[in-house]
Amino acid sequence: MEVAAPVAAAGESRTDARAHARAGGLVLLLTPLITVAFLVVQLVAIRYAEHPADPMGISGGPRTSRSLGSVGWMAYSARVWTWGGAVFTLPVAVLLALLGRRVLRHGAEPGYATVTGIGGVFHLLGFAFVTRFNAMTSAVSADDQSGFIAHNPGWQPPAMLALVVLAGLLPAAAMFLLARVGRLDRETREAGPGGSAGSTDDP
């Protein structure tokens, strides 16, 4: 009985470590989806601002009485900015996702939580930057004479804010889970014969 209790505790810690590692890996795999959501939000908002009378393009005639030339140029610039913002934010997201894939395939190793935390900071800063200097805001396009920015749909600013929050929360959650794996590994080693000093891979 005296030996069974430490062995059981070690087994539970090892099982919990595997579960936390898998959860952390899955969370990291989701990070590129924030960039995808960013593209969708921006491109749909641009469409609405470009054609406020008929954003879905159902009617075949003119969709707005405003200057299509000025509006078209503003929409084009906003789309270029949007794709540039995606290119700016995607690399860190992809690196985090690759780390998550490695965690799922090989388990968590010491230092992964730290790497995730550093990557998460850059991920958050990237989205904060593209949101602050958003081409759909009057602060950036203060000289817009076409009325394009004035027709930015009301749901776009809160949607962008939500993406910034997610850009910070996902890596933070993954970092917490991977840090928890390290603590559970230490508990496993301290529990005795059932412990393992290695990674959280399945046997």
Protein backbone atom coordinates (compact mmCIF):
# COMPACT_ATOMS: atom_id res chain seq x y z
CA MET A 1 0.00 0.00 0.00
CA GLU A 2 2.80 2.42 0.79
CA VAL A 3 4.28 1.90 -2.69
CA ALA A 4 0.93 1.81 -4.50
CA ALA A 5 -0.06 5.35 -3.52
CA PRO A 6 3.01 7.09 -5.03
CA VAL A 7 2.73 4.91 -8.15
CA ALA A 8 -0.95 5.83 -8.56
CA ALA A 9 -0.18 9.51 -8.04
CA ALA A 10 2.58 9.33 -10.64
CA GLY A 11 0.24 7.67 -13.11
CA GLU A 12 -2.40 10.36 -12.60
CA SER A 13 0.16 13.14 -13.02
CA ARG A 14 1.46 11.58 -16.23
CA THR A 15 -2.08 11.23 -17.62
CA ASP A 16 -2.87 14.83 -16.71
CA ALA A 17 0.37 15.98 -18.35
CA ARG A 18 -0.55 14.24 -21.60
CA ALA A 19 -4.01 15.85 -21.55
CA HIS A 20 -2.59 19.33 -20.91
CA ALA A 21 0.02 18.88 -23.65
CA ARG A 22 -2.61 17.84 -26.19
CA ALA A 23 -4.87 20.72 -25.20
CA GLY A 24 -1.99 23.19 -25.49
CA GLY A 25 -1.04 21.83 -28.90
CA LEU A 26 -4.61 22.12 -30.17
CA VAL A 27 -4.89 25.71 -28.93
CA LEU A 28 -1.68 26.62 -30.76
CA LEU A 29 -3.01 25.05 -33.96
CA LEU A 30 -5.91 27.53 -33.85
CA THR A 31 -3.74 30.66 -33.97
CA PRO A 32 -3.60 31.00 -37.80
CA LEU A 33 -7.41 31.01 -37.86
CA ILE A 34 -7.32 34.46 -36.28
CA THR A 35 -5.60 35.79 -39.40
CA VAL A 36 -8.23 34.06 -41.54
CA ALA A 37 -10.98 35.66 -39.46
CA PHE A 38 -9.21 39.02 -39.79
CA LEU A 39 -9.26 38.71 -43.58
CA VAL A 40 -12.93 37.79 -43.63
CA VAL A 41 -13.95 40.65 -41.32
CA GLN A 42 -11.94 43.23 -43.25
CA LEU A 43 -12.90 42.15 -46.77
CA VAL A 44 -16.60 41.93 -45.93
CA ALA A 45 -16.48 45.33 -44.20
CA ILE A 46 -14.76 46.83 -47.25
CA ARG A 47 -17.49 45.41 -49.48
CA TYR A 48 -20.16 46.97 -47.28
CA ALA A 49 -18.40 50.34 -47.24
CA GLU A 50 -17.83 50.24 -51.00
CA HIS A 51 -21.46 49.37 -51.84
CA PRO A 52 -23.61 50.39 -48.86
CA ALA A 53 -26.82 50.32 -50.87
CA ASP A 54 -26.23 46.80 -52.16
CA PRO A 55 -23.30 45.12 -50.37
CA MET A 56 -24.21 41.64 -51.59
CA GLY A 57 -24.26 42.75 -55.24
CA ILE A 58 -27.80 41.51 -55.90
CA SER A 59 -28.95 44.33 -58.17
CA GLY A 60 -27.30 44.83 -61.52
CA GLY A 61 -27.45 48.62 -61.63
CA PRO A 62 -25.48 51.35 -59.83
CA ARG A 63 -25.15 50.56 -56.14
CA THR A 64 -24.33 54.00 -54.81
CA SER A 65 -24.73 57.62 -55.79
CA ARG A 66 -21.29 58.56 -54.51
CA SER A 67 -18.21 58.97 -56.67
CA LEU A 68 -17.36 55.40 -57.67
CA GLY A 69 -13.86 56.49 -58.71
CA SER A 70 -12.90 57.82 -55.28
CA VAL A 71 -14.69 55.02 -53.47
CA GLY A 72 -13.09 52.42 -55.69
CA TRP A 73 -9.62 53.76 -54.97
CA MET A 74 -10.27 53.81 -51.20
CA ALA A 75 -11.60 50.24 -51.35
CA TYR A 76 -8.59 49.12 -53.36
CA SER A 77 -6.20 50.71 -50.86
CA ALA A 78 -8.07 49.12 -47.97
CA ARG A 79 -7.85 45.68 -49.58
CA VAL A 80 -4.12 46.07 -50.19
CA TRP A 81 -3.68 47.10 -46.56
CA THR A 82 -5.79 44.14 -45.43
CA TRP A 83 -3.70 41.58 -47.31
CA GLY A 84 -0.55 43.29 -46.08
CA GLY A 85 -1.83 43.07 -42.52
CA ALA A 86 -2.48 39.35 -42.99
CA VAL A 87 1.05 38.81 -44.30
CA PHE A 88 2.35 40.79 -41.31
CA THR A 89 0.50 38.73 -38.69
CA LEU A 90 0.62 35.27 -40.26
CA PRO A 91 4.29 34.25 -39.75
CA VAL A 92 4.15 34.23 -35.94
CA ALA A 93 0.79 32.43 -36.06
CA VAL A 94 2.24 29.76 -38.34
CA LEU A 95 5.27 29.29 -36.07
CA LEU A 96 2.97 28.87 -33.07
CA ALA A 97 0.87 26.37 -35.01
CA LEU A 98 3.98 24.39 -35.98
CA LEU A 99 4.97 24.30 -32.32
CA GLY A 100 1.49 23.04 -31.49
CA ARG A 101 1.82 20.30 -34.11
CA ARG A 102 5.14 19.27 -32.61
CA VAL A 103 3.60 19.14 -29.15
CA LEU A 104 0.80 16.90 -30.43
CA ARG A 105 3.23 14.58 -32.18
CA HIS A 106 6.09 14.42 -29.69
CA GLY A 107 4.80 15.82 -26.41
CA ALA A 108 5.80 18.97 -24.55
CA GLU A 109 9.43 19.64 -23.74
CA PRO A 110 11.02 22.08 -21.28
CA GLY A 111 11.05 25.59 -22.66
CA TYR A 112 7.97 25.23 -24.84
CA ALA A 113 5.91 27.38 -22.47
CA THR A 114 8.52 30.14 -22.63
CA VAL A 115 8.69 30.02 -26.43
CA THR A 116 4.89 30.12 -26.57
CA GLY A 117 4.82 33.13 -24.26
CA ILE A 118 7.33 35.05 -26.38
CA GLY A 119 5.51 34.14 -29.58
CA GLY A 120 2.22 35.11 -27.98
CA VAL A 121 3.51 38.59 -27.18
CA PHE A 122 4.51 39.15 -30.81
CA HIS A 123 1.21 37.67 -31.99
CA LEU A 124 -0.74 40.10 -29.82
CA LEU A 125 1.41 43.08 -30.81
CA GLY A 126 0.96 42.26 -34.49
CA PHE A 127 -2.81 42.28 -34.26
CA ALA A 128 -2.81 45.37 -32.05
CA PHE A 129 -0.74 47.12 -34.74
CA VAL A 130 -2.97 46.19 -37.68
CA THR A 131 -6.03 47.17 -35.65
CA ARG A 132 -4.62 50.52 -34.54
CA PHE A 133 -3.54 51.39 -38.08
CA ASN A 134 -6.64 49.95 -39.69
CA ALA A 135 -7.37 51.35 -43.16
CA MET A 136 -11.08 51.32 -42.29
CA THR A 137 -10.76 53.93 -39.54
CA SER A 138 -11.16 57.68 -39.90
CA ALA A 139 -7.99 58.17 -37.83
CA VAL A 140 -5.92 56.61 -40.64
CA SER A 141 -7.98 57.92 -43.54
CA ALA A 142 -8.87 61.33 -42.14
CA ASP A 143 -8.72 62.98 -45.59
CA ASP A 144 -11.31 60.64 -47.15
CA GLN A 145 -13.60 62.81 -49.30
CA SER A 146 -15.57 59.96 -50.83
CA GLY A 147 -17.54 58.93 -47.74
CA PHE A 148 -16.07 55.43 -47.90
CA ILE A 149 -14.95 55.33 -44.25
CA ALA A 150 -18.27 56.78 -43.09
CA HIS A 151 -19.99 53.64 -44.40
CA ASN A 152 -17.78 51.25 -42.49
CA PRO A 153 -20.31 48.84 -40.88
CA GLY A 154 -20.80 49.24 -37.16
CA TRP A 155 -19.88 45.63 -36.42
CA GLN A 156 -16.36 45.96 -37.86
CA PRO A 157 -14.64 47.82 -34.94
CA PRO A 158 -15.87 45.42 -32.20
CA ALA A 159 -15.05 42.44 -34.42
CA MET A 160 -11.48 43.71 -34.80
CA LEU A 161 -11.24 44.27 -31.04
CA ALA A 162 -12.45 40.70 -30.45
CA LEU A 163 -9.70 39.41 -32.74
CA VAL A 164 -7.08 41.34 -30.78
CA VAL A 165 -8.37 39.79 -27.56
CA LEU A 166 -8.25 36.31 -29.11
CA ALA A 167 -4.75 36.96 -30.43
CA GLY A 168 -3.66 37.45 -26.83
CA LEU A 169 -5.83 34.79 -25.16
CA LEU A 170 -5.00 31.79 -27.35
CA PRO A 171 -1.20 31.84 -26.85
CA ALA A 172 -1.69 32.73 -23.17
CA ALA A 173 -3.96 29.69 -22.70
CA ALA A 174 -1.45 27.47 -24.54
CA MET A 175 1.41 28.82 -22.43
CA PHE A 176 -0.54 28.06 -19.24
CA LEU A 177 -1.28 24.51 -20.39
CA LEU A 178 2.33 23.81 -21.40
CA ALA A 179 3.63 25.29 -18.14
CA ARG A 180 1.21 23.00 -16.32
CA VAL A 181 2.75 20.04 -18.19
CA GLY A 182 6.15 20.93 -16.70
CA ARG A 183 4.74 21.06 -13.18
CA LEU A 184 2.97 17.73 -13.63
CA ASP A 185 6.19 16.18 -14.93
CA ARG A 186 7.97 17.31 -11.78
CA GLU A 187 5.21 15.84 -9.66
CA THR A 188 5.55 12.58 -11.58
CA ARG A 189 9.29 12.40 -10.93
CA GLU A 190 8.80 13.23 -7.26
CA ALA A 191 6.10 10.58 -6.89
CA GLY A 192 8.63 7.78 -7.21
CA PRO A 193 8.89 4.63 -9.31
CA GLY A 194 6.00 5.48 -11.61
CA GLY A 195 7.52 8.84 -12.59
CA SER A 196 9.22 9.77 -15.80
CA ALA A 197 11.70 12.56 -16.42
CA GLY A 198 11.10 12.55 -20.17
CA SER A 199 8.49 14.21 -22.34
CA THR A 200 4.76 13.55 -22.26
CA ASP A 201 4.80 11.14 -25.22
CA ASP A 202 2.65 8.04 -25.14
CA PRO A 203 4.65 4.89 -24.39
